[in-house]
C-alpha atoms as a PDB file:
ATOM      1  CA  MET A   1      15.891   9.716 -14.991  1.00  0.00           C
ATOM      2  CA  ARG A   2      13.986  12.955 -15.147  1.00  0.00           C
ATOM      3  CA  TRP A   3      15.588  14.505 -12.065  1.00  0.00           C
ATOM      4  CA  GLN A   4      19.175  13.936 -13.172  1.00  0.00           C
ATOM      5  CA  GLY A   5      21.360  16.445 -14.999  1.00  0.00           C
ATOM      6  CA  GLN A   6      18.998  19.365 -14.528  1.00  0.00           C
ATOM      7  CA  ALA A   7      19.515  22.838 -13.100  1.00  0.00           C
ATOM      8  CA  ALA A   8      18.968  23.130  -9.368  1.00  0.00           C
ATOM      9  CA  GLY A   9      15.738  24.892  -8.551  1.00  0.00           C
ATOM     10  CA  ALA A  10      13.982  23.997 -11.801  1.00  0.00           C
ATOM     11  CA  GLU A  11      10.609  22.311 -11.409  1.00  0.00           C
ATOM     12  CA  ASP A  12       8.708  19.634 -13.300  1.00  0.00           C
ATOM     13  CA  PRO A  13       4.929  20.184 -13.172  1.00  0.00           C
ATOM     14  CA  ALA A  14       4.387  16.530 -14.140  1.00  0.00           C
ATOM     15  CA  ALA A  15       6.566  15.110 -11.377  1.00  0.00           C
ATOM     16  CA  LEU A  16       5.199  13.021  -8.539  1.00  0.00           C
ATOM     17  CA  PRO A  17       4.044  15.036  -5.502  1.00  0.00           C
ATOM     18  CA  GLY A  18       7.039  16.000  -3.415  1.00  0.00           C
ATOM     19  CA  LEU A  19       9.533  15.420  -6.242  1.00  0.00           C
ATOM     20  CA  GLU A  20       8.849  18.528  -8.335  1.00  0.00           C
ATOM     21  CA  ALA A  21      12.330  19.986  -7.795  1.00  0.00           C
ATOM     22  CA  TRP A  22      14.877  18.789 -10.351  1.00  0.00           C
ATOM     23  CA  GLY A  23      17.615  19.405  -7.818  1.00  0.00           C
ATOM     24  CA  GLY A  24      16.025  17.049  -5.273  1.00  0.00           C
ATOM     25  CA  LEU A  25      18.214  14.012  -5.930  1.00  0.00           C
ATOM     26  CA  VAL A  26      20.847  13.660  -3.207  1.00  0.00           C
ATOM     27  CA  ARG A  27      22.481  10.414  -4.361  1.00  0.00           C
ATOM     28  CA  SER A  28      21.778   6.950  -5.718  1.00  0.00           C
ATOM     29  CA  VAL A  29      22.944   4.128  -3.460  1.00  0.00           C
ATOM     30  CA  THR A  30      23.644   0.435  -3.970  1.00  0.00           C
ATOM     31  CA  THR A  31      24.747  -1.890  -1.184  1.00  0.00           C
ATOM     32  CA  PRO A  32      25.518  -5.620  -0.874  1.00  0.00           C
ATOM     33  CA  GLU A  33      22.904  -5.777   1.878  1.00  0.00           C
ATOM     34  CA  PHE A  34      20.231  -5.145  -0.765  1.00  0.00           C
ATOM     35  CA  ARG A  35      21.553  -6.987  -3.793  1.00  0.00           C
ATOM     36  CA  GLY A  36      20.044  -5.751  -7.053  1.00  0.00           C
ATOM     37  CA  MET A  37      18.446  -2.698  -5.429  1.00  0.00           C
ATOM     38  CA  THR A  38      19.170   0.967  -6.047  1.00  0.00           C
ATOM     39  CA  PHE A  39      17.972   3.588  -3.581  1.00  0.00           C
ATOM     40  CA  HIS A  40      17.483   7.082  -4.989  1.00  0.00           C
ATOM     41  CA  GLU A  41      17.675   9.412  -2.012  1.00  0.00           C
ATOM     42  CA  VAL A  42      15.732  12.617  -2.640  1.00  0.00           C
ATOM     43  CA  LEU A  43      14.884  15.788  -0.742  1.00  0.00           C
ATOM     44  CA  ALA A  44      11.108  15.989  -0.839  1.00  0.00           C
ATOM     45  CA  ARG A  45       9.348  19.348  -0.895  1.00  0.00           C
ATOM     46  CA  SER A  46       6.167  17.973   0.684  1.00  0.00           C
ATOM     47  CA  ALA A  47       5.224  15.131   2.990  1.00  0.00           C
ATOM     48  CA  LEU A  48       1.453  15.403   3.324  1.00  0.00           C
ATOM     49  CA  ASN A  49      -0.515  14.537   0.186  1.00  0.00           C
ATOM     50  CA  ARG A  50      -4.124  15.661  -0.110  1.00  0.00           C
ATOM     51  CA  VAL A  51      -6.608  13.067  -1.412  1.00  0.00           C
ATOM     52  CA  PRO A  52      -8.912  14.442  -4.139  1.00  0.00           C
ATOM     53  CA  ALA A  53     -12.361  15.342  -2.819  1.00  0.00           C
ATOM     54  CA  ALA A  54     -14.038  12.998  -5.298  1.00  0.00           C
ATOM     55  CA  SER A  55     -12.237   9.964  -3.864  1.00  0.00           C
ATOM     56  CA  VAL A  56     -14.192   7.322  -1.936  1.00  0.00           C
ATOM     57  CA  MET A  57     -11.256   6.858   0.433  1.00  0.00           C
ATOM     58  CA  PRO A  58     -12.163   7.359   4.121  1.00  0.00           C
ATOM     59  CA  PHE A  59      -9.193   9.696   4.664  1.00  0.00           C
ATOM     60  CA  ARG A  60      -8.093  12.985   3.154  1.00  0.00           C
ATOM     61  CA  TRP A  61      -4.335  12.993   3.784  1.00  0.00           C
ATOM     62  CA  THR A  62      -1.558  10.484   3.147  1.00  0.00           C
ATOM     63  CA  ILE A  63       2.197  10.197   3.639  1.00  0.00           C
ATOM     64  CA  ASN A  64       4.381   8.037   1.386  1.00  0.00           C
ATOM     65  CA  PRO A  65       8.040   8.025   2.464  1.00  0.00           C
ATOM     66  CA  TYR A  66       9.008   5.639  -0.356  1.00  0.00           C
ATOM     67  CA  ARG A  67       8.244   5.261  -4.073  1.00  0.00           C
ATOM     68  CA  GLY A  68       8.517   1.794  -5.556  1.00  0.00           C
ATOM     69  CA  CYS A  69       8.331  -1.262  -3.333  1.00  0.00           C
ATOM     70  CA  GLN A  70      10.615  -4.184  -2.583  1.00  0.00           C
ATOM     71  CA  HIS A  71       7.672  -6.471  -1.862  1.00  0.00           C
ATOM     72  CA  ALA A  72       7.480  -6.816  -5.670  1.00  0.00           C
ATOM     73  CA  CYS A  73       3.821  -7.862  -5.679  1.00  0.00           C
ATOM     74  CA  LEU A  74       2.869  -8.636  -9.268  1.00  0.00           C
ATOM     75  CA  TYR A  75      -0.619  -7.181  -8.846  1.00  0.00           C
ATOM     76  CA  CYS A  76       0.382  -3.888  -7.161  1.00  0.00           C
ATOM     77  CA  TYR A  77      -1.862  -1.042  -8.373  1.00  0.00           C
ATOM     78  CA  ALA A  78       0.905   1.560  -7.828  1.00  0.00           C
ATOM     79  CA  ARG A  79       3.272   0.153 -10.451  1.00  0.00           C
ATOM     80  CA  ASN A  80       2.394   2.625 -13.196  1.00  0.00           C
ATOM     81  CA  THR A  81       3.415   5.602 -11.022  1.00  0.00           C
ATOM     82  CA  HIS A  82       7.057   4.647 -11.627  1.00  0.00           C
ATOM     83  CA  GLU A  83       6.643   5.393 -15.318  1.00  0.00           C
ATOM     84  CA  TYR A  84       6.392   9.092 -14.436  1.00  0.00           C
ATOM     85  CA  LEU A  85      10.014   8.914 -13.317  1.00  0.00           C
ATOM     86  CA  ASP A  86      11.069   7.399 -16.653  1.00  0.00           C
ATOM     87  CA  LEU A  87      11.256   4.011 -14.937  1.00  0.00           C
ATOM     88  CA  ASP A  88       9.251   0.968 -15.906  1.00  0.00           C
ATOM     89  CA  ALA A  89       6.302  -0.473 -13.999  1.00  0.00           C
ATOM     90  CA  GLY A  90       7.879  -3.919 -13.815  1.00  0.00           C
ATOM     91  CA  ARG A  91      11.375  -4.660 -12.550  1.00  0.00           C
ATOM     92  CA  ASP A  92      12.235  -0.995 -11.908  1.00  0.00           C
ATOM     93  CA  PHE A  93       9.265  -0.619  -9.550  1.00  0.00           C
ATOM     94  CA  ASP A  94      10.661  -3.518  -7.499  1.00  0.00           C
ATOM     95  CA  GLU A  95      14.327  -2.511  -7.578  1.00  0.00           C
ATOM     96  CA  GLN A  96      14.589   1.288  -8.070  1.00  0.00           C
ATOM     97  CA  ILE A  97      13.331   2.709  -4.774  1.00  0.00           C
ATOM     98  CA  VAL A  98      12.890   6.442  -4.218  1.00  0.00           C
ATOM     99  CA  VAL A  99      13.568   7.408  -0.583  1.00  0.00           C
ATOM    100  CA  LYS A 100      12.418  10.766   0.772  1.00  0.00           C
ATOM    101  CA  VAL A 101      15.225  11.095   3.277  1.00  0.00           C
ATOM    102  CA  ASN A 102      13.988  14.414   4.726  1.00  0.00           C
ATOM    103  CA  VAL A 103      10.320  13.428   4.941  1.00  0.00           C
ATOM    104  CA  ALA A 104      10.104  13.728   8.748  1.00  0.00           C
ATOM    105  CA  ASP A 105      11.604  17.238   8.805  1.00  0.00           C
ATOM    106  CA  VAL A 106       9.246  18.391   6.053  1.00  0.00           C
ATOM    107  CA  LEU A 107       6.336  16.771   7.849  1.00  0.00           C
ATOM    108  CA  ARG A 108       7.102  18.585  11.104  1.00  0.00           C
ATOM    109  CA  ARG A 109       7.036  21.931   9.280  1.00  0.00           C
ATOM    110  CA  GLU A 110       3.729  21.104   7.607  1.00  0.00           C
ATOM    111  CA  LEU A 111       2.118  19.923  10.845  1.00  0.00           C
ATOM    112  CA  ALA A 112       3.236  23.131  12.606  1.00  0.00           C
ATOM    113  CA  ARG A 113       1.318  25.367  10.202  1.00  0.00           C
ATOM    114  CA  SER A 114      -1.632  27.204  11.678  1.00  0.00           C
ATOM    115  CA  THR A 115      -3.757  25.928   8.777  1.00  0.00           C
ATOM    116  CA  TRP A 116      -3.219  22.254   9.666  1.00  0.00           C
ATOM    117  CA  GLY A 117      -6.550  20.917  10.943  1.00  0.00           C
ATOM    118  CA  ARG A 118      -5.206  17.702  12.497  1.00  0.00           C
ATOM    119  CA  GLU A 119      -7.231  15.520  10.159  1.00  0.00           C
ATOM    120  CA  PRO A 120      -6.357  11.808  10.205  1.00  0.00           C
ATOM    121  CA  VAL A 121      -3.434  10.756   8.018  1.00  0.00           C
ATOM    122  CA  ALA A 122      -3.018   7.378   6.292  1.00  0.00           C
ATOM    123  CA  LEU A 123       0.318   5.641   5.641  1.00  0.00           C
ATOM    124  CA  GLY A 124       0.705   2.669   3.326  1.00  0.00           C
ATOM    125  CA  THR A 125      -1.914   3.669   0.774  1.00  0.00           C
ATOM    126  CA  ASN A 126       0.553   3.744  -2.117  1.00  0.00           C
ATOM    127  CA  THR A 127       3.741   1.799  -1.357  1.00  0.00           C
ATOM    128  CA  ASP A 128       4.618   0.123   1.902  1.00  0.00           C
ATOM    129  CA  PRO A 129       6.227   2.296   4.618  1.00  0.00           C
ATOM    130  CA  TYR A 130       7.593  -0.881   6.243  1.00  0.00           C
ATOM    131  CA  GLN A 131       9.202  -2.440   3.176  1.00  0.00           C
ATOM    132  CA  ARG A 132      12.768  -3.681   3.656  1.00  0.00           C
ATOM    133  CA  ALA A 133      14.279  -0.258   2.893  1.00  0.00           C
ATOM    134  CA  GLU A 134      12.806   0.999   6.168  1.00  0.00           C
ATOM    135  CA  GLY A 135      15.269  -1.215   7.998  1.00  0.00           C
ATOM    136  CA  ARG A 136      18.052   0.886   6.482  1.00  0.00           C
ATOM    137  CA  TYR A 137      16.508   4.364   6.527  1.00  0.00           C
ATOM    138  CA  ARG A 138      14.348   4.296   9.692  1.00  0.00           C
ATOM    139  CA  LEU A 139      11.984   7.020   8.490  1.00  0.00           C
ATOM    140  CA  MET A 140       8.899   5.780  10.311  1.00  0.00           C
ATOM    141  CA  PRO A 141       9.935   6.434  13.938  1.00  0.00           C
ATOM    142  CA  GLU A 142      10.330  10.156  13.235  1.00  0.00           C
ATOM    143  CA  ILE A 143       7.102  10.230  11.225  1.00  0.00           C
ATOM    144  CA  ILE A 144       5.236   8.588  14.109  1.00  0.00           C
ATOM    145  CA  ASP A 145       6.767  11.025  16.576  1.00  0.00           C
ATOM    146  CA  ALA A 146       5.865  14.028  14.413  1.00  0.00           C
ATOM    147  CA  LEU A 147       2.252  12.946  13.960  1.00  0.00           C
ATOM    148  CA  ALA A 148       1.691  12.078  17.607  1.00  0.00           C
ATOM    149  CA  GLY A 149       3.453  15.206  18.804  1.00  0.00           C
ATOM    150  CA  SER A 150       1.177  17.388  16.695  1.00  0.00           C
ATOM    151  CA  GLY A 151      -1.993  15.673  17.918  1.00  0.00           C
ATOM    152  CA  THR A 152      -2.664  14.067  14.527  1.00  0.00           C
ATOM    153  CA  SER A 153      -4.341  10.658  14.399  1.00  0.00           C
ATOM    154  CA  PHE A 154      -3.042   8.218  11.811  1.00  0.00           C
ATOM    155  CA  SER A 155      -3.343   4.736  10.353  1.00  0.00           C
ATOM    156  CA  VAL A 156      -0.733   2.340   8.971  1.00  0.00           C
ATOM    157  CA  LEU A 157      -1.361  -0.341   6.341  1.00  0.00           C
ATOM    158  CA  THR A 158       1.559  -2.686   5.694  1.00  0.00           C
ATOM    159  CA  LYS A 159       2.754  -6.126   4.653  1.00  0.00           C
ATOM    160  CA  GLY A 160       6.008  -5.505   6.500  1.00  0.00           C
ATOM    161  CA  THR A 161       7.032  -7.308   9.657  1.00  0.00           C
ATOM    162  CA  LEU A 162       9.282  -4.320  10.456  1.00  0.00           C
ATOM    163  CA  LEU A 163       6.136  -2.925  12.041  1.00  0.00           C
ATOM    164  CA  ARG A 164       7.069  -4.984  15.113  1.00  0.00           C
ATOM    165  CA  ARG A 165      10.136  -2.806  15.647  1.00  0.00           C
ATOM    166  CA  ASP A 166       7.951   0.268  16.151  1.00  0.00           C
ATOM    167  CA  LEU A 167       5.155  -1.232  18.252  1.00  0.00           C
ATOM    168  CA  PRO A 168       6.412   0.463  21.440  1.00  0.00           C
ATOM    169  CA  LEU A 169       6.481   3.823  19.630  1.00  0.00           C
ATOM    170  CA  LEU A 170       3.035   3.216  18.184  1.00  0.00           C
ATOM    171  CA  ALA A 171       1.665   2.233  21.587  1.00  0.00           C
ATOM    172  CA  ASP A 172       3.073   5.452  23.082  1.00  0.00           C
ATOM    173  CA  ALA A 173       1.500   7.443  20.236  1.00  0.00           C
ATOM    174  CA  ALA A 174      -1.839   5.715  20.818  1.00  0.00           C
ATOM    175  CA  ALA A 175      -1.905   7.172  24.319  1.00  0.00           C
ATOM    176  CA  SER A 176      -2.426  10.638  22.819  1.00  0.00           C
ATOM    177  CA  VAL A 177      -3.936  10.126  19.348  1.00  0.00           C
ATOM    178  CA  ASP A 178      -5.996   7.496  17.539  1.00  0.00           C
ATOM    179  CA  VAL A 179      -3.631   4.963  15.911  1.00  0.00           C
ATOM    180  CA  ARG A 180      -5.016   2.235  13.669  1.00  0.00           C
ATOM    181  CA  LEU A 181      -2.965  -0.679  12.361  1.00  0.00           C
ATOM    182  CA  SER A 182      -3.790  -2.898   9.402  1.00  0.00           C
ATOM    183  CA  MET A 183      -1.840  -5.828   7.972  1.00  0.00           C
ATOM    184  CA  SER A 184      -2.233  -6.948   4.367  1.00  0.00           C
ATOM    185  CA  ILE A 185      -2.256 -10.769   4.271  1.00  0.00           C
ATOM    186  CA  ALA A 186      -3.642 -12.217   1.071  1.00  0.00           C
ATOM    187  CA  ILE A 187      -2.047 -15.526   0.091  1.00  0.00           C
ATOM    188  CA  ALA A 188      -1.801 -18.415   2.555  1.00  0.00           C
ATOM    189  CA  ASP A 189      -0.243 -20.913   0.142  1.00  0.00           C
ATOM    190  CA  GLU A 190       3.479 -20.239   0.523  1.00  0.00           C
ATOM    191  CA  PRO A 191       4.721 -21.402  -2.923  1.00  0.00           C
ATOM    192  CA  LEU A 192       2.045 -19.287  -4.604  1.00  0.00           C
ATOM    193  CA  ARG A 193       2.790 -16.308  -2.340  1.00  0.00           C
ATOM    194  CA  ALA A 194       6.484 -16.557  -3.187  1.00  0.00           C
ATOM    195  CA  MET A 195       5.598 -16.215  -6.878  1.00  0.00           C
ATOM    196  CA  LEU A 196       3.052 -13.401  -6.579  1.00  0.00           C
ATOM    197  CA  GLU A 197       4.723 -11.477  -3.713  1.00  0.00           C
ATOM    198  CA  PRO A 198       8.378 -12.540  -3.990  1.00  0.00           C
ATOM    199  CA  GLY A 199       9.808  -9.780  -1.798  1.00  0.00           C
ATOM    200  CA  ALA A 200       7.161  -9.786   0.920  1.00  0.00           C
ATOM    201  CA  PRO A 201       7.233 -11.587   4.277  1.00  0.00           C
ATOM    202  CA  SER A 202       5.516 -14.956   4.505  1.00  0.00           C
ATOM    203  CA  PHE A 203       1.882 -15.409   5.527  1.00  0.00           C
ATOM    204  CA  ALA A 204       3.047 -16.869   8.850  1.00  0.00           C
ATOM    205  CA  ALA A 205       5.432 -13.989   9.552  1.00  0.00           C
ATOM    206  CA  ARG A 206       2.674 -11.469   8.958  1.00  0.00           C
ATOM    207  CA  LEU A 207       0.330 -13.403  11.233  1.00  0.00           C
ATOM    208  CA  HIS A 208       3.009 -13.256  13.914  1.00  0.00           C
ATOM    209  CA  THR A 209       3.104  -9.489  13.464  1.00  0.00           C
ATOM    210  CA  VAL A 210      -0.682  -9.324  13.870  1.00  0.00           C
ATOM    211  CA  ARG A 211      -0.386 -11.288  17.101  1.00  0.00           C
ATOM    212  CA  GLU A 212       2.286  -8.971  18.504  1.00  0.00           C
ATOM    213  CA  ALA A 213       0.288  -5.875  17.542  1.00  0.00           C
ATOM    214  CA  ALA A 214      -2.841  -7.342  19.143  1.00  0.00           C
ATOM    215  CA  ASP A 215      -0.878  -8.184  22.283  1.00  0.00           C
ATOM    216  CA  ALA A 216       0.321  -4.559  22.323  1.00  0.00           C
ATOM    217  CA  GLY A 217      -3.312  -3.471  22.576  1.00  0.00           C
ATOM    218  CA  PHE A 218      -4.206  -2.716  18.963  1.00  0.00           C
ATOM    219  CA  ALA A 219      -7.457  -3.796  17.304  1.00  0.00           C
ATOM    220  CA  VAL A 220      -5.773  -5.012  14.131  1.00  0.00           C
ATOM    221  CA  THR A 221      -7.577  -5.116  10.797  1.00  0.00           C
ATOM    222  CA  VAL A 222      -6.395  -7.592   8.162  1.00  0.00           C
ATOM    223  CA  PHE A 223      -6.746  -6.783   4.475  1.00  0.00           C
ATOM    224  CA  LEU A 224      -7.513 -10.100   2.780  1.00  0.00           C
ATOM    225  CA  MET A 225      -6.790  -8.447  -0.536  1.00  0.00           C
ATOM    226  CA  PRO A 226      -6.435  -9.240  -3.267  1.00  0.00           C
ATOM    227  CA  ILE A 227      -8.347 -12.483  -3.455  1.00  0.00           C
ATOM    228  CA  VAL A 228      -6.970 -13.867  -6.707  1.00  0.00           C
ATOM    229  CA  PRO A 229      -9.579 -15.500  -8.963  1.00  0.00           C
ATOM    230  CA  HIS A 230      -9.110 -19.250  -9.457  1.00  0.00           C
ATOM    231  CA  LEU A 231      -6.028 -19.237  -7.226  1.00  0.00           C
ATOM    232  CA  THR A 232      -7.096 -18.095  -3.742  1.00  0.00           C
ATOM    233  CA  ASP A 233     -10.895 -17.846  -3.985  1.00  0.00           C
ATOM    234  CA  ASP A 234     -11.750 -21.483  -3.195  1.00  0.00           C
ATOM    235  CA  PRO A 235     -14.021 -21.740  -0.095  1.00  0.00           C
ATOM    236  CA  GLU A 236     -11.634 -24.118   1.679  1.00  0.00           C
ATOM    237  CA  VAL A 237      -8.679 -21.825   1.028  1.00  0.00           C
ATOM    238  CA  LEU A 238     -10.585 -18.796   2.309  1.00  0.00           C
ATOM    239  CA  ASP A 239     -11.814 -20.702   5.359  1.00  0.00           C
ATOM    240  CA  ASP A 240      -8.283 -21.746   6.292  1.00  0.00           C
ATOM    241  CA  ALA A 241      -6.909 -18.225   5.807  1.00  0.00           C
ATOM    242  CA  LEU A 242      -9.633 -16.625   7.915  1.00  0.00           C
ATOM    243  CA  ALA A 243      -9.258 -19.226  10.660  1.00  0.00           C
ATOM    244  CA  ARG A 244      -5.548 -18.437  10.917  1.00  0.00           C
ATOM    245  CA  ILE A 245      -6.181 -14.691  10.804  1.00  0.00           C
ATOM    246  CA  ALA A 246      -8.705 -14.955  13.644  1.00  0.00           C
ATOM    247  CA  ALA A 247      -6.355 -17.143  15.693  1.00  0.00           C
ATOM    248  CA  ALA A 248      -3.657 -14.467  15.332  1.00  0.00           C
ATOM    249  CA  GLY A 249      -5.872 -11.971  17.144  1.00  0.00           C
ATOM    250  CA  ALA A 250      -7.202  -9.821  14.297  1.00  0.00           C
ATOM    251  CA  ARG A 251     -10.487  -8.076  14.998  1.00  0.00           C
ATOM    252  CA  SER A 252     -11.775  -7.374  11.496  1.00  0.00           C
ATOM    253  CA  VAL A 253     -11.146  -8.175   7.840  1.00  0.00           C
ATOM    254  CA  ILE A 254     -11.474  -6.093   4.701  1.00  0.00           C
ATOM    255  CA  PHE A 255     -11.658  -8.284   1.621  1.00  0.00           C
ATOM    256  CA  GLY A 256     -11.901  -7.869  -2.119  1.00  0.00           C
ATOM    257  CA  THR A 257     -10.881  -9.344  -5.419  1.00  0.00           C
ATOM    258  CA  MET A 258      -7.873  -8.436  -7.535  1.00  0.00           C
ATOM    259  CA  HIS A 259      -7.808  -5.246  -9.601  1.00  0.00           C
ATOM    260  CA  LEU A 260      -5.548  -5.211 -12.641  1.00  0.00           C
ATOM    261  CA  ARG A 261      -4.704  -1.604 -13.437  1.00  0.00           C
ATOM    262  CA  PRO A 262      -2.214  -0.445 -16.069  1.00  0.00           C
ATOM    263  CA  GLY A 263       1.288  -1.514 -15.107  1.00  0.00           C
ATOM    264  CA  ALA A 264       0.077  -4.241 -12.783  1.00  0.00           C
ATOM    265  CA  ARG A 265      -2.054  -5.739 -15.545  1.00  0.00           C
ATOM    266  CA  GLN A 266       0.858  -6.265 -17.934  1.00  0.00           C
ATOM    267  CA  TRP A 267       3.163  -7.556 -15.202  1.00  0.00           C
ATOM    268  CA  PHE A 268       0.594 -10.024 -13.818  1.00  0.00           C
ATOM    269  CA  TRP A 269      -0.402 -11.161 -17.310  1.00  0.00           C
ATOM    270  CA  GLN A 270       3.201 -12.026 -18.139  1.00  0.00           C
ATOM    271  CA  TRP A 271       3.352 -14.217 -15.034  1.00  0.00           C
ATOM    272  CA  LEU A 272       0.054 -15.865 -15.931  1.00  0.00           C
ATOM    273  CA  GLU A 273       1.217 -16.665 -19.454  1.00  0.00           C
ATOM    274  CA  ARG A 274       4.465 -18.111 -18.104  1.00  0.00           C
ATOM    275  CA  GLU A 275       3.232 -20.006 -15.033  1.00  0.00           C
ATOM    276  CA  ARG A 276      -0.499 -20.650 -15.448  1.00  0.00           C
ATOM    277  CA  PRO A 277      -1.450 -20.567 -19.138  1.00  0.00           C
ATOM    278  CA  ASP A 278      -4.352 -22.885 -18.293  1.00  0.00           C
ATOM    279  CA  LEU A 279      -6.055 -19.924 -16.574  1.00  0.00           C
ATOM    280  CA  LEU A 280      -5.735 -17.509 -19.496  1.00  0.00           C
ATOM    281  CA  PRO A 281      -9.217 -18.229 -20.924  1.00  0.00           C
ATOM    282  CA  ALA A 282     -10.821 -17.669 -17.533  1.00  0.00           C
ATOM    283  CA  TYR A 283      -8.938 -14.410 -16.999  1.00  0.00           C
ATOM    284  CA  ARG A 284      -9.811 -13.142 -20.450  1.00  0.00           C
ATOM    285  CA  GLY A 285     -13.425 -13.610 -19.429  1.00  0.00           C
ATOM    286  CA  LEU A 286     -12.990 -11.939 -16.036  1.00  0.00           C
ATOM    287  CA  TYR A 287     -10.820  -9.034 -17.212  1.00  0.00           C
ATOM    288  CA  PRO A 288     -11.708  -8.472 -20.887  1.00  0.00           C
ATOM    289  CA  GLY A 289      -9.970  -5.776 -22.910  1.00  0.00           C
ATOM    290  CA  ARG A 290      -8.625  -3.157 -20.506  1.00  0.00           C
ATOM    291  CA  ALA A 291     -11.015  -3.956 -17.679  1.00  0.00           C
ATOM    292  CA  ALA A 292      -9.359  -3.458 -14.288  1.00  0.00           C
ATOM    293  CA  ASN A 293     -12.151  -4.964 -12.195  1.00  0.00           C
ATOM    294  CA  ALA A 294     -13.685  -8.411 -12.199  1.00  0.00           C
ATOM    295  CA  PRO A 295     -17.393  -8.433 -13.140  1.00  0.00           C
ATOM    296  CA  VAL A 296     -19.931  -7.367 -10.532  1.00  0.00           C
ATOM    297  CA  GLY A 297     -21.442 -10.854 -10.609  1.00  0.00           C
ATOM    298  CA  TYR A 298     -18.135 -12.449  -9.615  1.00  0.00           C
ATOM    299  CA  ARG A 299     -17.573  -9.906  -6.837  1.00  0.00           C
ATOM    300  CA  LYS A 300     -21.052 -10.477  -5.414  1.00  0.00           C
ATOM    301  CA  GLN A 301     -20.498 -14.227  -5.536  1.00  0.00           C
ATOM    302  CA  LEU A 302     -17.183 -13.816  -3.728  1.00  0.00           C
ATOM    303  CA  ALA A 303     -18.743 -11.627  -1.038  1.00  0.00           C
ATOM    304  CA  ALA A 304     -21.490 -14.196  -0.500  1.00  0.00           C
ATOM    305  CA  ARG A 305     -18.761 -16.812  -0.051  1.00  0.00           C
ATOM    306  CA  VAL A 306     -16.658 -14.809   2.411  1.00  0.00           C
ATOM    307  CA  ARG A 307     -19.284 -13.316   4.731  1.00  0.00           C
ATOM    308  CA  PRO A 308     -20.439 -16.615   6.295  1.00  0.00           C
ATOM    309  CA  LEU A 309     -16.810 -17.526   6.901  1.00  0.00           C
ATOM    310  CA  LEU A 310     -16.224 -14.232   8.705  1.00  0.00           C
ATOM    311  CA  ARG A 311     -19.155 -14.985  10.998  1.00  0.00           C
ATOM    312  CA  ARG A 312     -17.875 -18.518  11.583  1.00  0.00           C
ATOM    313  CA  HIS A 313     -14.553 -17.190  12.816  1.00  0.00           C
ATOM    314  CA  GLY A 314     -15.945 -14.291  14.844  1.00  0.00           C
ATOM    315  CA  LEU A 315     -14.539 -11.584  12.604  1.00  0.00           C
ATOM    316  CA  SER A 316     -16.257  -8.394  11.556  1.00  0.00           C
ATOM    317  CA  GLY A 317     -15.665  -7.468   7.947  1.00  0.00           C
ATOM    318  CA  ARG A 318     -16.577  -5.571   4.855  1.00  0.00           C
ATOM    319  CA  VAL A 319     -15.802  -5.411   1.162  1.00  0.00           C
ATOM    320  CA  GLY A 320     -12.803  -3.266   0.198  1.00  0.00           C
ATOM    321  CA  GLU A 321     -13.351   0.290  -1.011  1.00  0.00           C
ATOM    322  CA  ASP A 322     -12.800  -0.563  -4.646  1.00  0.00           C
ATOM    323  CA  ASP A 323     -15.674  -3.038  -4.602  1.00  0.00           C
ATOM    324  CA  LEU A 324     -18.119  -0.372  -3.424  1.00  0.00           C
ATOM    325  CA  PRO A 325     -20.190   1.700  -5.867  1.00  0.00           C
ATOM    326  CA  ARG A 326     -18.355   4.919  -6.615  1.00  0.00           C
ATOM    327  CA  GLN A 327     -20.165   8.201  -6.005  1.00  0.00           C
ATOM    328  CA  ARG A 328     -19.002  11.650  -6.920  1.00  0.00           C
ATOM    329  CA  ALA A 329     -18.533  14.154  -4.149  1.00  0.00           C
ATOM    330  CA  THR A 330     -21.506  16.461  -3.614  1.00  0.00           C
ATOM    331  CA  THR A 331     -19.310  19.391  -2.584  1.00  0.00           C
ATOM    332  CA  PRO A 332     -16.781  21.152  -4.800  1.00  0.00           C
ATOM    333  CA  GLY A 333     -13.218  19.915  -4.510  1.00  0.00           C
ATOM    334  CA  PRO A 334      -9.814  20.802  -5.900  1.00  0.00           C
ATOM    335  CA  VAL A 335      -8.942  20.165  -9.514  1.00  0.00           C
ATOM    336  CA  ILE A 336      -7.610  16.617  -9.813  1.00  0.00           C
ATOM    337  CA  PRO A 337      -4.101  16.716 -11.314  1.00  0.00           C
ATOM    338  CA  THR A 338      -3.323  14.849 -14.498  1.00  0.00           C
ATOM    339  CA  ARG A 339      -0.324  13.146 -12.923  1.00  0.00           C
ATOM    340  CA  PRO A 340      -1.032   9.962 -10.943  1.00  0.00           C
ATOM    341  CA  PRO A 341      -1.756  10.627  -7.264  1.00  0.00           C
ATOM    342  CA  GLU A 342       0.276   9.124  -4.433  1.00  0.00           C
ATOM    343  CA  HIS A 343      -2.844   7.589  -2.983  1.00  0.00           C
ATOM    344  CA  PRO A 344      -4.754   5.827  -5.791  1.00  0.00           C
ATOM    345  CA  VAL A 345      -6.561   3.195  -3.710  1.00  0.00           C
ATOM    346  CA  LEU A 346      -5.703   0.602  -1.138  1.00  0.00           C
ATOM    347  CA  PHE A 347      -5.338  -2.336  -3.538  1.00  0.00           C
END
């Protein structure tokens, strides 16, 4: 790996944000508790990541305590970021997890600066802060405490049921700052979910987490993303999923179809060829060449299918950010780095 065997203090200008120092690796850890996983514990130089001004994201700062993700979602947009650590976007992304063990201490220093404007911060925009590794490292409680203590509002997007552990902390934080919780719940069919999201909690377990968060006083948003063409986009399937989401106490839904970016595209395509070769012609039509997005016509058709169902189940909702027309910022912003950001998009 790029950070191994190098002189302490040397820097890599192409490294991921927060991992520029070659001497940042503390140790690599394997444990029977997480069979097949390796955790690379690093000392991060930064915790807050600034979102480029040209982005359509509704936030300007993110925190990502982990790189790689044990949820192992085949479609995950963040997979190609692992290639910048000389790891692959497939199995390594699922099993080689970078852990920023000092992220809370670094965050406290950054939040204490006189220049910090207490802008809202988003967690979970790259890889999940409540993936299974969080059960071992417990980084989120200190992050929550640091943000709330500095008067900084924040949001959390997760698939992880470990969120339930921190609901009391989050409720305490919400007494002083704006705290928004979102749960990503995309695939109601359990056998299909187990193939496409093999390391993630079940649909039912995530619904249970939504219910507990709602009971704790949070207006929970559910990300029904990605809706997978020809697998989860049937009206009856969507109706059932939204009915269960509403019954769990969610207030709103953000929905959108699957995006197949580099890294995720190859990994998902391998699964499709192996498990559902009958769908290959349809997918070649929907995602021709290197296209990452389904055609506008399909997305409009999907939106027209979902919106009446949202109304039926009393849910507010909107299309995900990536399905909105992109506009360039009208005010000058910082130069966008050539390395992949830590906050590409939500899905």
